[in-house]
Amino acid sequence: MTRVEVETYLRKQGTQFMQMCCVERNSYWDDLVKIGEEGHPWYCSEHYVYVAFEFGATEPHEVSTEREKIERWKARDTDVLKEIKRYDMLGGCL
């Protein structure tokens, strides 16, 4: 599936999601859907659990200008879904 197909489906279901760069190496602006919270270690105040939709680029992300350096990391509708997995994120850590 492409990014636009995944995101269209999530929006139609009323599912909120956020984008975050690089859940794994070689992925581009992955989509995260929060599914819960778990106990956190003593040095953090939060432990959120997400479903991560990892995407790979189908268009070259080459850069030659300053503007293109910014554009390089933008999510593109044509990015293709590579993997769906659990992603844990700690917050409020010392």
PDB file of N, CA and C in Angstrom:
ATOM      1  N   MET A   1       0.843  -1.186   0.000  1.00  0.00           N
ATOM      2  CA  MET A   1       0.000   0.000   0.000  1.00  0.00           C
ATOM      3  C   MET A   1       0.881   1.240   0.000  1.00  0.00           C
ATOM      4  N   THR A   2       0.352   2.302  -0.529  1.00  0.00           N
ATOM      5  CA  THR A   2       1.084   3.569  -0.502  1.00  0.00           C
ATOM      6  C   THR A   2       0.709   4.344   0.755  1.00  0.00           C
ATOM      7  N   ARG A   3       1.502   5.362   1.051  1.00  0.00           N
ATOM      8  CA  ARG A   3       1.228   6.214   2.213  1.00  0.00           C
ATOM      9  C   ARG A   3      -0.159   6.841   2.108  1.00  0.00           C
ATOM     10  N   VAL A   4      -0.496   7.327   0.936  1.00  0.00           N
ATOM     11  CA  VAL A   4      -1.794   7.996   0.780  1.00  0.00           C
ATOM     12  C   VAL A   4      -2.943   7.022   1.034  1.00  0.00           C
ATOM     13  N   GLU A   5      -2.797   5.770   0.652  1.00  0.00           N
ATOM     14  CA  GLU A   5      -3.840   4.772   0.920  1.00  0.00           C
ATOM     15  C   GLU A   5      -3.965   4.496   2.414  1.00  0.00           C
ATOM     16  N   VAL A   6      -2.846   4.331   3.095  1.00  0.00           N
ATOM     17  CA  VAL A   6      -2.859   4.065   4.536  1.00  0.00           C
ATOM     18  C   VAL A   6      -3.462   5.246   5.284  1.00  0.00           C
ATOM     19  N   GLU A   7      -2.997   6.446   4.984  1.00  0.00           N
ATOM     20  CA  GLU A   7      -3.470   7.629   5.700  1.00  0.00           C
ATOM     21  C   GLU A   7      -4.934   7.934   5.401  1.00  0.00           C
ATOM     22  N   THR A   8      -5.375   7.696   4.183  1.00  0.00           N
ATOM     23  CA  THR A   8      -6.789   7.877   3.841  1.00  0.00           C
ATOM     24  C   THR A   8      -7.640   6.923   4.662  1.00  0.00           C
ATOM     25  N   TYR A   9      -7.217   5.672   4.770  1.00  0.00           N
ATOM     26  CA  TYR A   9      -7.946   4.690   5.565  1.00  0.00           C
ATOM     27  C   TYR A   9      -8.010   5.125   7.035  1.00  0.00           C
ATOM     28  N   LEU A  10      -6.875   5.528   7.607  1.00  0.00           N
ATOM     29  CA  LEU A  10      -6.850   5.951   9.007  1.00  0.00           C
ATOM     30  C   LEU A  10      -7.789   7.138   9.232  1.00  0.00           C
ATOM     31  N   ARG A  11      -7.762   8.100   8.333  1.00  0.00           N
ATOM     32  CA  ARG A  11      -8.639   9.280   8.480  1.00  0.00           C
ATOM     33  C   ARG A  11     -10.110   8.888   8.393  1.00  0.00           C
ATOM     34  N   LYS A  12     -10.451   8.003   7.457  1.00  0.00           N
ATOM     35  CA  LYS A  12     -11.848   7.561   7.312  1.00  0.00           C
ATOM     36  C   LYS A  12     -12.339   6.845   8.561  1.00  0.00           C
ATOM     37  N   GLN A  13     -11.441   6.171   9.270  1.00  0.00           N
ATOM     38  CA  GLN A  13     -11.795   5.473  10.505  1.00  0.00           C
ATOM     39  C   GLN A  13     -11.811   6.416  11.703  1.00  0.00           C
ATOM     40  N   GLY A  14     -11.413   7.667  11.502  1.00  0.00           N
ATOM     41  CA  GLY A  14     -11.348   8.630  12.599  1.00  0.00           C
ATOM     42  C   GLY A  14     -10.164   8.382  13.526  1.00  0.00           C
ATOM     43  N   THR A  15      -9.143   7.703  13.009  1.00  0.00           N
ATOM     44  CA  THR A  15      -7.967   7.369  13.805  1.00  0.00           C
ATOM     45  C   THR A  15      -6.935   8.476  13.716  1.00  0.00           C
ATOM     46  N   GLN A  16      -6.564   9.019  14.853  1.00  0.00           N
ATOM     47  CA  GLN A  16      -5.531  10.043  14.874  1.00  0.00           C
ATOM     48  C   GLN A  16      -4.165   9.392  14.751  1.00  0.00           C
ATOM     49  N   PHE A  17      -3.280  10.043  14.037  1.00  0.00           N
ATOM     50  CA  PHE A  17      -1.916   9.546  13.904  1.00  0.00           C
ATOM     51  C   PHE A  17      -0.969  10.723  13.831  1.00  0.00           C
ATOM     52  N   MET A  18       0.287  10.444  14.088  1.00  0.00           N
ATOM     53  CA  MET A  18       1.327  11.464  13.950  1.00  0.00           C
ATOM     54  C   MET A  18       2.446  10.873  13.106  1.00  0.00           C
ATOM     55  N   GLN A  19       3.273  11.745  12.583  1.00  0.00           N
ATOM     56  CA  GLN A  19       4.416  11.283  11.813  1.00  0.00           C
ATOM     57  C   GLN A  19       5.685  11.542  12.596  1.00  0.00           C
ATOM     58  N   MET A  20       6.604  10.599  12.488  1.00  0.00           N
ATOM     59  CA  MET A  20       7.889  10.719  13.141  1.00  0.00           C
ATOM     60  C   MET A  20       8.948  10.138  12.218  1.00  0.00           C
ATOM     61  N   CYS A  21      10.040  10.813  12.131  1.00  0.00           N
ATOM     62  CA  CYS A  21      11.104  10.319  11.267  1.00  0.00           C
ATOM     63  C   CYS A  21      11.770   9.094  11.861  1.00  0.00           C
ATOM     64  N   CYS A  22      11.804   8.119  11.034  1.00  0.00           N
ATOM     65  CA  CYS A  22      12.764   7.038  11.147  1.00  0.00           C
ATOM     66  C   CYS A  22      12.619   6.139  12.371  1.00  0.00           C
ATOM     67  N   VAL A  23      11.485   5.468  12.479  1.00  0.00           N
ATOM     68  CA  VAL A  23      11.328   4.443  13.505  1.00  0.00           C
ATOM     69  C   VAL A  23      12.464   3.431  13.337  1.00  0.00           C
ATOM     70  N   GLU A  24      12.753   3.095  12.120  1.00  0.00           N
ATOM     71  CA  GLU A  24      13.889   2.234  11.789  1.00  0.00           C
ATOM     72  C   GLU A  24      14.741   2.937  10.744  1.00  0.00           C
ATOM     73  N   ARG A  25      15.925   2.490  10.621  1.00  0.00           N
ATOM     74  CA  ARG A  25      16.825   3.021   9.605  1.00  0.00           C
ATOM     75  C   ARG A  25      16.227   2.800   8.221  1.00  0.00           C
ATOM     76  N   ASN A  26      16.445   3.737   7.331  1.00  0.00           N
ATOM     77  CA  ASN A  26      15.968   3.653   5.950  1.00  0.00           C
ATOM     78  C   ASN A  26      14.450   3.715   5.816  1.00  0.00           C
ATOM     79  N   SER A  27      13.776   4.317   6.770  1.00  0.00           N
ATOM     80  CA  SER A  27      12.344   4.576   6.609  1.00  0.00           C
ATOM     81  C   SER A  27      12.178   6.093   6.574  1.00  0.00           C
ATOM     82  N   TYR A  28      11.072   6.549   6.011  1.00  0.00           N
ATOM     83  CA  TYR A  28      10.842   7.981   5.834  1.00  0.00           C
ATOM     84  C   TYR A  28       9.527   8.376   6.473  1.00  0.00           C
ATOM     85  N   TRP A  29       9.581   9.203   7.481  1.00  0.00           N
ATOM     86  CA  TRP A  29       8.404   9.743   8.143  1.00  0.00           C
ATOM     87  C   TRP A  29       7.342   8.683   8.330  1.00  0.00           C
ATOM     88  N   ASP A  30       7.553   7.866   9.322  1.00  0.00           N
ATOM     89  CA  ASP A  30       6.626   6.790   9.641  1.00  0.00           C
ATOM     90  C   ASP A  30       5.399   7.353  10.353  1.00  0.00           C
ATOM     91  N   ASP A  31       4.250   6.678  10.185  1.00  0.00           N
ATOM     92  CA  ASP A  31       3.017   7.072  10.850  1.00  0.00           C
ATOM     93  C   ASP A  31       2.875   6.272  12.134  1.00  0.00           C
ATOM     94  N   LEU A  32       2.500   6.957  13.213  1.00  0.00           N
ATOM     95  CA  LEU A  32       2.335   6.307  14.517  1.00  0.00           C
ATOM     96  C   LEU A  32       0.904   6.499  15.017  1.00  0.00           C
ATOM     97  N   VAL A  33       0.287   5.409  15.457  1.00  0.00           N
ATOM     98  CA  VAL A  33      -1.042   5.435  16.057  1.00  0.00           C
ATOM     99  C   VAL A  33      -0.889   4.982  17.503  1.00  0.00           C
ATOM    100  N   LYS A  34      -1.250   5.856  18.437  1.00  0.00           N
ATOM    101  CA  LYS A  34      -1.129   5.509  19.858  1.00  0.00           C
ATOM    102  C   LYS A  34      -2.204   4.495  20.221  1.00  0.00           C
ATOM    103  N   ILE A  35      -1.772   3.385  20.848  1.00  0.00           N
ATOM    104  CA  ILE A  35      -2.724   2.350  21.244  1.00  0.00           C
ATOM    105  C   ILE A  35      -2.775   2.137  22.759  1.00  0.00           C
ATOM    106  N   GLY A  36      -1.888   2.790  23.505  1.00  0.00           N
ATOM    107  CA  GLY A  36      -1.950   2.625  24.950  1.00  0.00           C
ATOM    108  C   GLY A  36      -0.733   3.135  25.677  1.00  0.00           C
ATOM    109  N   GLU A  37      -0.718   2.848  26.964  1.00  0.00           N
ATOM    110  CA  GLU A  37       0.397   3.224  27.829  1.00  0.00           C
ATOM    111  C   GLU A  37       0.744   2.030  28.702  1.00  0.00           C
ATOM    112  N   GLU A  38       1.988   1.975  29.130  1.00  0.00           N
ATOM    113  CA  GLU A  38       2.439   0.910  30.027  1.00  0.00           C
ATOM    114  C   GLU A  38       3.206   1.526  31.177  1.00  0.00           C
ATOM    115  N   GLY A  39       3.532   0.699  32.147  1.00  0.00           N
ATOM    116  CA  GLY A  39       4.343   1.163  33.261  1.00  0.00           C
ATOM    117  C   GLY A  39       5.685   1.662  32.754  1.00  0.00           C
ATOM    118  N   HIS A  40       6.184   2.669  33.412  1.00  0.00           N
ATOM    119  CA  HIS A  40       7.430   3.282  32.968  1.00  0.00           C
ATOM    120  C   HIS A  40       8.540   3.040  33.980  1.00  0.00           C
ATOM    121  N   PRO A  41       9.786   3.081  33.536  1.00  0.00           N
ATOM    122  CA  PRO A  41      10.912   2.939  34.470  1.00  0.00           C
ATOM    123  C   PRO A  41      10.986   4.159  35.385  1.00  0.00           C
ATOM    124  N   TRP A  42      11.654   4.032  36.488  1.00  0.00           N
ATOM    125  CA  TRP A  42      11.714   5.101  37.485  1.00  0.00           C
ATOM    126  C   TRP A  42      12.281   6.401  36.940  1.00  0.00           C
ATOM    127  N   TYR A  43      13.119   6.347  35.942  1.00  0.00           N
ATOM    128  CA  TYR A  43      13.768   7.553  35.423  1.00  0.00           C
ATOM    129  C   TYR A  43      12.958   8.245  34.332  1.00  0.00           C
ATOM    130  N   CYS A  44      11.765   7.748  34.017  1.00  0.00           N
ATOM    131  CA  CYS A  44      10.874   8.374  33.043  1.00  0.00           C
ATOM    132  C   CYS A  44       9.480   8.500  33.652  1.00  0.00           C
ATOM    133  N   SER A  45       8.689   9.418  33.139  1.00  0.00           N
ATOM    134  CA  SER A  45       7.334   9.587  33.654  1.00  0.00           C
ATOM    135  C   SER A  45       6.269   9.049  32.705  1.00  0.00           C
ATOM    136  N   GLU A  46       6.666   8.621  31.500  1.00  0.00           N
ATOM    137  CA  GLU A  46       5.696   8.147  30.512  1.00  0.00           C
ATOM    138  C   GLU A  46       6.260   6.966  29.722  1.00  0.00           C
ATOM    139  N   HIS A  47       5.361   6.089  29.304  1.00  0.00           N
ATOM    140  CA  HIS A  47       5.716   4.984  28.404  1.00  0.00           C
ATOM    141  C   HIS A  47       4.509   4.753  27.498  1.00  0.00           C
ATOM    142  N   TYR A  48       4.594   5.297  26.294  1.00  0.00           N
ATOM    143  CA  TYR A  48       3.505   5.187  25.332  1.00  0.00           C
ATOM    144  C   TYR A  48       3.777   4.046  24.363  1.00  0.00           C
ATOM    145  N   VAL A  49       2.699   3.396  23.923  1.00  0.00           N
ATOM    146  CA  VAL A  49       2.800   2.294  22.976  1.00  0.00           C
ATOM    147  C   VAL A  49       2.055   2.698  21.701  1.00  0.00           C
ATOM    148  N   TYR A  50       2.716   2.515  20.578  1.00  0.00           N
ATOM    149  CA  TYR A  50       2.168   2.881  19.273  1.00  0.00           C
ATOM    150  C   TYR A  50       2.204   1.698  18.320  1.00  0.00           C
ATOM    151  N   VAL A  51       1.360   1.765  17.305  1.00  0.00           N
ATOM    152  CA  VAL A  51       1.512   0.927  16.128  1.00  0.00           C
ATOM    153  C   VAL A  51       2.239   1.820  15.120  1.00  0.00           C
ATOM    154  N   ALA A  52       3.370   1.338  14.636  1.00  0.00           N
ATOM    155  CA  ALA A  52       4.174   2.111  13.681  1.00  0.00           C
ATOM    156  C   ALA A  52       3.977   1.549  12.283  1.00  0.00           C
ATOM    157  N   PHE A  53       3.638   2.432  11.365  1.00  0.00           N
ATOM    158  CA  PHE A  53       3.547   2.089   9.947  1.00  0.00           C
ATOM    159  C   PHE A  53       4.817   2.636   9.301  1.00  0.00           C
ATOM    160  N   GLU A  54       5.714   1.742   8.935  1.00  0.00           N
ATOM    161  CA  GLU A  54       7.004   2.145   8.365  1.00  0.00           C
ATOM    162  C   GLU A  54       6.915   2.199   6.849  1.00  0.00           C
ATOM    163  N   PHE A  55       7.423   3.298   6.305  1.00  0.00           N
ATOM    164  CA  PHE A  55       7.362   3.513   4.862  1.00  0.00           C
ATOM    165  C   PHE A  55       8.749   3.603   4.251  1.00  0.00           C
ATOM    166  N   GLY A  56       8.838   3.185   3.029  1.00  0.00           N
ATOM    167  CA  GLY A  56      10.056   3.323   2.242  1.00  0.00           C
ATOM    168  C   GLY A  56       9.782   4.220   1.052  1.00  0.00           C
ATOM    169  N   ALA A  57      10.782   4.938   0.627  1.00  0.00           N
ATOM    170  CA  ALA A  57      10.631   5.867  -0.500  1.00  0.00           C
ATOM    171  C   ALA A  57      10.626   5.108  -1.821  1.00  0.00           C
ATOM    172  N   THR A  58       9.759   5.545  -2.719  1.00  0.00           N
ATOM    173  CA  THR A  58       9.740   4.991  -4.075  1.00  0.00           C
ATOM    174  C   THR A  58      10.281   5.999  -5.069  1.00  0.00           C
ATOM    175  N   GLU A  59      10.421   7.252  -4.619  1.00  0.00           N
ATOM    176  CA  GLU A  59      10.996   8.304  -5.452  1.00  0.00           C
ATOM    177  C   GLU A  59      12.358   8.645  -4.878  1.00  0.00           C
ATOM    178  N   PRO A  60      13.292   9.016  -5.730  1.00  0.00           N
ATOM    179  CA  PRO A  60      14.616   9.375  -5.200  1.00  0.00           C
ATOM    180  C   PRO A  60      14.526  10.569  -4.259  1.00  0.00           C
ATOM    181  N   HIS A  61      15.301  10.518  -3.220  1.00  0.00           N
ATOM    182  CA  HIS A  61      15.365  11.606  -2.252  1.00  0.00           C
ATOM    183  C   HIS A  61      16.715  12.318  -2.386  1.00  0.00           C
ATOM    184  N   GLU A  62      17.096  12.560  -3.619  1.00  0.00           N
ATOM    185  CA  GLU A  62      18.377  13.227  -3.880  1.00  0.00           C
ATOM    186  C   GLU A  62      18.259  14.724  -3.585  1.00  0.00           C
ATOM    187  N   VAL A  63      19.359  15.351  -3.225  1.00  0.00           N
ATOM    188  CA  VAL A  63      19.354  16.783  -2.925  1.00  0.00           C
ATOM    189  C   VAL A  63      20.499  17.480  -3.639  1.00  0.00           C
ATOM    190  N   SER A  64      20.232  18.733  -4.047  1.00  0.00           N
ATOM    191  CA  SER A  64      21.298  19.529  -4.638  1.00  0.00           C
ATOM    192  C   SER A  64      21.248  20.975  -4.139  1.00  0.00           C
ATOM    193  N   THR A  65      20.117  21.406  -3.569  1.00  0.00           N
ATOM    194  CA  THR A  65      20.000  22.761  -3.051  1.00  0.00           C
ATOM    195  C   THR A  65      19.580  22.720  -1.587  1.00  0.00           C
ATOM    196  N   GLU A  66      19.673  23.864  -0.911  1.00  0.00           N
ATOM    197  CA  GLU A  66      19.252  23.953   0.487  1.00  0.00           C
ATOM    198  C   GLU A  66      17.774  23.597   0.634  1.00  0.00           C
ATOM    199  N   ARG A  67      16.956  24.092  -0.282  1.00  0.00           N
ATOM    200  CA  ARG A  67      15.514  23.811  -0.239  1.00  0.00           C
ATOM    201  C   ARG A  67      15.275  22.302  -0.360  1.00  0.00           C
ATOM    202  N   GLU A  68      16.002  21.646  -1.247  1.00  0.00           N
ATOM    203  CA  GLU A  68      15.836  20.211  -1.439  1.00  0.00           C
ATOM    204  C   GLU A  68      16.294  19.420  -0.220  1.00  0.00           C
ATOM    205  N   LYS A  69      17.234  19.963   0.551  1.00  0.00           N
ATOM    206  CA  LYS A  69      17.653  19.289   1.781  1.00  0.00           C
ATOM    207  C   LYS A  69      16.483  19.196   2.746  1.00  0.00           C
ATOM    208  N   ILE A  70      15.669  20.227   2.798  1.00  0.00           N
ATOM    209  CA  ILE A  70      14.477  20.221   3.647  1.00  0.00           C
ATOM    210  C   ILE A  70      13.438  19.274   3.048  1.00  0.00           C
ATOM    211  N   GLU A  71      13.211  19.360   1.748  1.00  0.00           N
ATOM    212  CA  GLU A  71      12.222  18.534   1.063  1.00  0.00           C
ATOM    213  C   GLU A  71      12.579  17.051   1.112  1.00  0.00           C
ATOM    214  N   ARG A  72      13.842  16.743   1.218  1.00  0.00           N
ATOM    215  CA  ARG A  72      14.302  15.359   1.169  1.00  0.00           C
ATOM    216  C   ARG A  72      13.588  14.473   2.174  1.00  0.00           C
ATOM    217  N   TRP A  73      13.340  14.995   3.330  1.00  0.00           N
ATOM    218  CA  TRP A  73      12.784  14.171   4.401  1.00  0.00           C
ATOM    219  C   TRP A  73      11.270  14.257   4.500  1.00  0.00           C
ATOM    220  N   LYS A  74      10.630  14.970   3.577  1.00  0.00           N
ATOM    221  CA  LYS A  74       9.180  15.062   3.614  1.00  0.00           C
ATOM    222  C   LYS A  74       8.533  13.740   3.247  1.00  0.00           C
ATOM    223  N   ALA A  75       7.412  13.458   3.885  1.00  0.00           N
ATOM    224  CA  ALA A  75       6.635  12.276   3.524  1.00  0.00           C
ATOM    225  C   ALA A  75       6.043  12.504   2.140  1.00  0.00           C
ATOM    226  N   ARG A  76       6.021  11.459   1.346  1.00  0.00           N
ATOM    227  CA  ARG A  76       5.453  11.543   0.008  1.00  0.00           C
ATOM    228  C   ARG A  76       4.324  10.539  -0.123  1.00  0.00           C
ATOM    229  N   ASP A  77       3.288  10.933  -0.857  1.00  0.00           N
ATOM    230  CA  ASP A  77       2.134  10.053  -1.051  1.00  0.00           C
ATOM    231  C   ASP A  77       2.519   8.714  -1.653  1.00  0.00           C
ATOM    232  N   THR A  78       3.588   8.699  -2.431  1.00  0.00           N
ATOM    233  CA  THR A  78       3.992   7.475  -3.125  1.00  0.00           C
ATOM    234  C   THR A  78       4.867   6.553  -2.270  1.00  0.00           C
ATOM    235  N   ASP A  79       5.274   6.998  -1.080  1.00  0.00           N
ATOM    236  CA  ASP A  79       6.039   6.117  -0.197  1.00  0.00           C
ATOM    237  C   ASP A  79       5.234   4.839   0.019  1.00  0.00           C
ATOM    238  N   VAL A  80       5.920   3.723   0.102  1.00  0.00           N
ATOM    239  CA  VAL A  80       5.230   2.434   0.188  1.00  0.00           C
ATOM    240  C   VAL A  80       5.395   1.824   1.587  1.00  0.00           C
ATOM    241  N   LEU A  81       4.316   1.216   2.068  1.00  0.00           N
ATOM    242  CA  LEU A  81       4.321   0.595   3.388  1.00  0.00           C
ATOM    243  C   LEU A  81       5.247  -0.613   3.382  1.00  0.00           C
ATOM    244  N   LYS A  82       6.234  -0.611   4.304  1.00  0.00           N
ATOM    245  CA  LYS A  82       7.196  -1.711   4.396  1.00  0.00           C
ATOM    246  C   LYS A  82       6.851  -2.674   5.517  1.00  0.00           C
ATOM    247  N   GLU A  83       6.413  -2.116   6.646  1.00  0.00           N
ATOM    248  CA  GLU A  83       6.200  -2.960   7.822  1.00  0.00           C
ATOM    249  C   GLU A  83       5.271  -2.266   8.805  1.00  0.00           C
ATOM    250  N   ILE A  84       4.545  -3.072   9.572  1.00  0.00           N
ATOM    251  CA  ILE A  84       3.711  -2.576  10.665  1.00  0.00           C
ATOM    252  C   ILE A  84       4.205  -3.272  11.923  1.00  0.00           C
ATOM    253  N   LYS A  85       4.505  -2.477  12.954  1.00  0.00           N
ATOM    254  CA  LYS A  85       4.994  -3.099  14.184  1.00  0.00           C
ATOM    255  C   LYS A  85       4.727  -2.221  15.399  1.00  0.00           C
ATOM    256  N   ARG A  86       4.930  -2.803  16.557  1.00  0.00           N
ATOM    257  CA  ARG A  86       4.807  -2.088  17.821  1.00  0.00           C
ATOM    258  C   ARG A  86       6.011  -1.169  17.976  1.00  0.00           C
ATOM    259  N   TYR A  87       5.737   0.023  18.529  1.00  0.00           N
ATOM    260  CA  TYR A  87       6.814   0.970  18.783  1.00  0.00           C
ATOM    261  C   TYR A  87       6.578   1.583  20.156  1.00  0.00           C
ATOM    262  N   ASP A  88       7.548   1.449  21.040  1.00  0.00           N
ATOM    263  CA  ASP A  88       7.459   2.009  22.391  1.00  0.00           C
ATOM    264  C   ASP A  88       8.238   3.304  22.469  1.00  0.00           C
ATOM    265  N   MET A  89       7.650   4.285  23.153  1.00  0.00           N
ATOM    266  CA  MET A  89       8.317   5.585  23.300  1.00  0.00           C
ATOM    267  C   MET A  89       8.240   6.039  24.760  1.00  0.00           C
ATOM    268  N   LEU A  90       9.396   6.244  25.345  1.00  0.00           N
ATOM    269  CA  LEU A  90       9.471   6.763  26.710  1.00  0.00           C
ATOM    270  C   LEU A  90       9.484   8.284  26.662  1.00  0.00           C
ATOM    271  N   GLY A  91       8.927   8.907  27.688  1.00  0.00           N
ATOM    272  CA  GLY A  91       8.913  10.362  27.760  1.00  0.00           C
ATOM    273  C   GLY A  91       9.169  10.849  29.167  1.00  0.00           C
ATOM    274  N   GLY A  92       9.484  12.119  29.292  1.00  0.00           N
ATOM    275  CA  GLY A  92       9.728  12.711  30.592  1.00  0.00           C
ATOM    276  C   GLY A  92      10.882  12.055  31.336  1.00  0.00           C
ATOM    277  N   CYS A  93      11.897  11.677  30.616  1.00  0.00           N
ATOM    278  CA  CYS A  93      13.030  10.965  31.233  1.00  0.00           C
ATOM    279  C   CYS A  93      14.070  11.939  31.756  1.00  0.00           C
ATOM    280  N   LEU A  94      14.768  11.523  32.798  1.00  0.00           N
ATOM    281  CA  LEU A  94      15.842  12.332  33.386  1.00  0.00           C
ATOM    282  C   LEU A  94      17.016  12.437  32.454  1.00  0.00           C
TER     283      LEU A  94
END
